[in-house]
Amino acid sequence: MNELVMKETLSNNALTAEELKLAQLIVSSLNLETQAAEIDPTAPLYAEGMGLDSIDILEVALAVSKAYGVKLRSDDEHNRKIFNSLRSLNEHIQQHRAK
């Protein structure tokens, strides 16, 4: 992999300030042993990525609701997209948060 492609890949996986704040919320809510800054924002939240299960996702949804005022419903048809990654969850929050 050439240096330019490597830098672009690294920058795409770098956490923004909002993503880091959300990662910290997830880590503290779920008592994870990983550091928030080490979370890949593009990795799946479920299974092979962060390894979260459905109960973890419910806890994250509750924490997000309290912290950001964004209601995440279990019957939302877009949940797979919303909870696909830290980045997709953050994008949803930023679009729907109570200002």
C-alpha atoms as a PDB file:
ATOM      1  CA  MET A   1       0.000   0.000   0.000  1.00  0.00           C
ATOM      2  CA  ASN A   2       1.503   3.334  -0.939  1.00  0.00           C
ATOM      3  CA  GLU A   3       1.955   6.097   1.611  1.00  0.00           C
ATOM      4  CA  LEU A   4      -0.871   8.315   0.254  1.00  0.00           C
ATOM      5  CA  VAL A   5      -3.417   5.475   0.346  1.00  0.00           C
ATOM      6  CA  MET A   6      -2.231   4.517   3.826  1.00  0.00           C
ATOM      7  CA  LYS A   7      -2.625   8.081   5.115  1.00  0.00           C
ATOM      8  CA  GLU A   8      -6.095   8.346   3.545  1.00  0.00           C
ATOM      9  CA  THR A   9      -7.136   5.050   5.147  1.00  0.00           C
ATOM     10  CA  LEU A  10      -5.853   6.208   8.519  1.00  0.00           C
ATOM     11  CA  SER A  11      -7.596   9.575   8.228  1.00  0.00           C
ATOM     12  CA  ASN A  12     -10.892   7.889   7.277  1.00  0.00           C
ATOM     13  CA  ASN A  13     -10.633   5.803  10.443  1.00  0.00           C
ATOM     14  CA  ALA A  14      -9.684   8.731  12.682  1.00  0.00           C
ATOM     15  CA  LEU A  15     -12.309   9.710  15.227  1.00  0.00           C
ATOM     16  CA  THR A  16     -13.855  13.158  14.986  1.00  0.00           C
ATOM     17  CA  ALA A  17     -14.461  15.070  18.225  1.00  0.00           C
ATOM     18  CA  GLU A  18     -18.158  14.085  18.177  1.00  0.00           C
ATOM     19  CA  GLU A  19     -17.316  10.442  17.474  1.00  0.00           C
ATOM     20  CA  LEU A  20     -14.833  10.385  20.343  1.00  0.00           C
ATOM     21  CA  LYS A  21     -17.457  11.799  22.716  1.00  0.00           C
ATOM     22  CA  LEU A  22     -19.940   9.142  21.553  1.00  0.00           C
ATOM     23  CA  ALA A  23     -17.284   6.418  21.881  1.00  0.00           C
ATOM     24  CA  GLN A  24     -16.614   7.564  25.446  1.00  0.00           C
ATOM     25  CA  LEU A  25     -20.344   7.365  26.182  1.00  0.00           C
ATOM     26  CA  ILE A  26     -20.504   3.820  24.787  1.00  0.00           C
ATOM     27  CA  VAL A  27     -17.393   2.686  26.673  1.00  0.00           C
ATOM     28  CA  SER A  28     -18.651   4.093  29.979  1.00  0.00           C
ATOM     29  CA  SER A  29     -22.255   2.906  29.503  1.00  0.00           C
ATOM     30  CA  LEU A  30     -21.181  -0.651  28.758  1.00  0.00           C
ATOM     31  CA  ASN A  31     -18.147  -0.723  31.070  1.00  0.00           C
ATOM     32  CA  LEU A  32     -15.933  -1.778  28.168  1.00  0.00           C
ATOM     33  CA  GLU A  33     -12.255  -2.441  28.756  1.00  0.00           C
ATOM     34  CA  THR A  34     -11.213  -0.753  25.497  1.00  0.00           C
ATOM     35  CA  GLN A  35     -10.240   2.899  25.286  1.00  0.00           C
ATOM     36  CA  ALA A  36     -12.666   5.145  23.396  1.00  0.00           C
ATOM     37  CA  ALA A  37      -9.878   6.554  21.230  1.00  0.00           C
ATOM     38  CA  GLU A  38      -9.005   3.033  20.035  1.00  0.00           C
ATOM     39  CA  ILE A  39     -12.439   2.381  18.521  1.00  0.00           C
ATOM     40  CA  ASP A  40     -12.492   2.258  14.725  1.00  0.00           C
ATOM     41  CA  PRO A  41     -15.409   4.533  13.749  1.00  0.00           C
ATOM     42  CA  THR A  42     -16.110   2.480  10.620  1.00  0.00           C
ATOM     43  CA  ALA A  43     -16.084  -0.963  12.282  1.00  0.00           C
ATOM     44  CA  PRO A  44     -19.436  -2.691  12.799  1.00  0.00           C
ATOM     45  CA  LEU A  45     -20.941  -2.257  16.262  1.00  0.00           C
ATOM     46  CA  TYR A  46     -22.423  -5.755  16.157  1.00  0.00           C
ATOM     47  CA  ALA A  47     -20.553  -9.049  16.280  1.00  0.00           C
ATOM     48  CA  GLU A  48     -17.180  -8.992  14.514  1.00  0.00           C
ATOM     49  CA  GLY A  49     -16.567  -5.254  14.951  1.00  0.00           C
ATOM     50  CA  MET A  50     -16.994  -4.060  18.534  1.00  0.00           C
ATOM     51  CA  GLY A  51     -18.737  -7.281  19.457  1.00  0.00           C
ATOM     52  CA  LEU A  52     -21.875  -5.696  20.881  1.00  0.00           C
ATOM     53  CA  ASP A  53     -25.029  -7.776  21.228  1.00  0.00           C
ATOM     54  CA  SER A  54     -28.686  -6.715  21.185  1.00  0.00           C
ATOM     55  CA  ILE A  55     -28.733  -5.950  24.928  1.00  0.00           C
ATOM     56  CA  ASP A  56     -25.655  -3.746  24.520  1.00  0.00           C
ATOM     57  CA  ILE A  57     -27.344  -1.898  21.655  1.00  0.00           C
ATOM     58  CA  LEU A  58     -30.410  -1.283  23.856  1.00  0.00           C
ATOM     59  CA  GLU A  59     -28.149   0.144  26.564  1.00  0.00           C
ATOM     60  CA  VAL A  60     -26.409   2.359  24.002  1.00  0.00           C
ATOM     61  CA  ALA A  61     -29.797   3.561  22.719  1.00  0.00           C
ATOM     62  CA  LEU A  62     -30.828   4.511  26.262  1.00  0.00           C
ATOM     63  CA  ALA A  63     -27.538   6.325  26.921  1.00  0.00           C
ATOM     64  CA  VAL A  64     -27.819   8.195  23.601  1.00  0.00           C
ATOM     65  CA  SER A  65     -31.388   9.185  24.425  1.00  0.00           C
ATOM     66  CA  LYS A  66     -30.331  10.602  27.796  1.00  0.00           C
ATOM     67  CA  ALA A  67     -27.177  12.321  26.549  1.00  0.00           C
ATOM     68  CA  TYR A  68     -28.362  13.684  23.218  1.00  0.00           C
ATOM     69  CA  GLY A  69     -32.161  13.724  23.390  1.00  0.00           C
ATOM     70  CA  VAL A  70     -32.357  11.413  20.366  1.00  0.00           C
ATOM     71  CA  LYS A  71     -34.988   8.702  20.591  1.00  0.00           C
ATOM     72  CA  LEU A  72     -33.859   5.408  19.094  1.00  0.00           C
ATOM     73  CA  ARG A  73     -36.737   2.955  18.792  1.00  0.00           C
ATOM     74  CA  SER A  74     -36.329  -0.798  18.607  1.00  0.00           C
ATOM     75  CA  ASP A  75     -38.889  -1.016  15.779  1.00  0.00           C
ATOM     76  CA  ASP A  76     -37.221   1.598  13.550  1.00  0.00           C
ATOM     77  CA  GLU A  77     -36.711   0.087  10.104  1.00  0.00           C
ATOM     78  CA  HIS A  78     -33.421   1.999   9.771  1.00  0.00           C
ATOM     79  CA  ASN A  79     -31.745   0.520  12.883  1.00  0.00           C
ATOM     80  CA  ARG A  80     -29.363  -1.660  10.871  1.00  0.00           C
ATOM     81  CA  LYS A  81     -28.097   1.443   9.083  1.00  0.00           C
ATOM     82  CA  ILE A  82     -28.106   3.628  12.224  1.00  0.00           C
ATOM     83  CA  PHE A  83     -26.197   1.078  14.328  1.00  0.00           C
ATOM     84  CA  ASN A  84     -23.937  -0.100  11.511  1.00  0.00           C
ATOM     85  CA  SER A  85     -20.896   1.671  12.973  1.00  0.00           C
ATOM     86  CA  LEU A  86     -19.903   4.362  15.432  1.00  0.00           C
ATOM     87  CA  ARG A  87     -19.709   6.774  12.497  1.00  0.00           C
ATOM     88  CA  SER A  88     -23.229   5.981  11.240  1.00  0.00           C
ATOM     89  CA  LEU A  89     -24.661   6.240  14.759  1.00  0.00           C
ATOM     90  CA  ASN A  90     -22.930   9.585  15.254  1.00  0.00           C
ATOM     91  CA  GLU A  91     -24.246  10.886  11.914  1.00  0.00           C
ATOM     92  CA  HIS A  92     -27.788   9.920  12.941  1.00  0.00           C
ATOM     93  CA  ILE A  93     -27.369  11.619  16.319  1.00  0.00           C
ATOM     94  CA  GLN A  94     -26.023  14.828  14.786  1.00  0.00           C
ATOM     95  CA  GLN A  95     -28.960  14.962  12.341  1.00  0.00           C
ATOM     96  CA  HIS A  96     -31.641  14.340  14.992  1.00  0.00           C
ATOM     97  CA  ARG A  97     -30.295  15.650  18.281  1.00  0.00           C
ATOM     98  CA  ALA A  98     -32.156  18.146  20.432  1.00  0.00           C
ATOM     99  CA  LYS A  99     -30.289  21.413  20.058  1.00  0.00           C
END
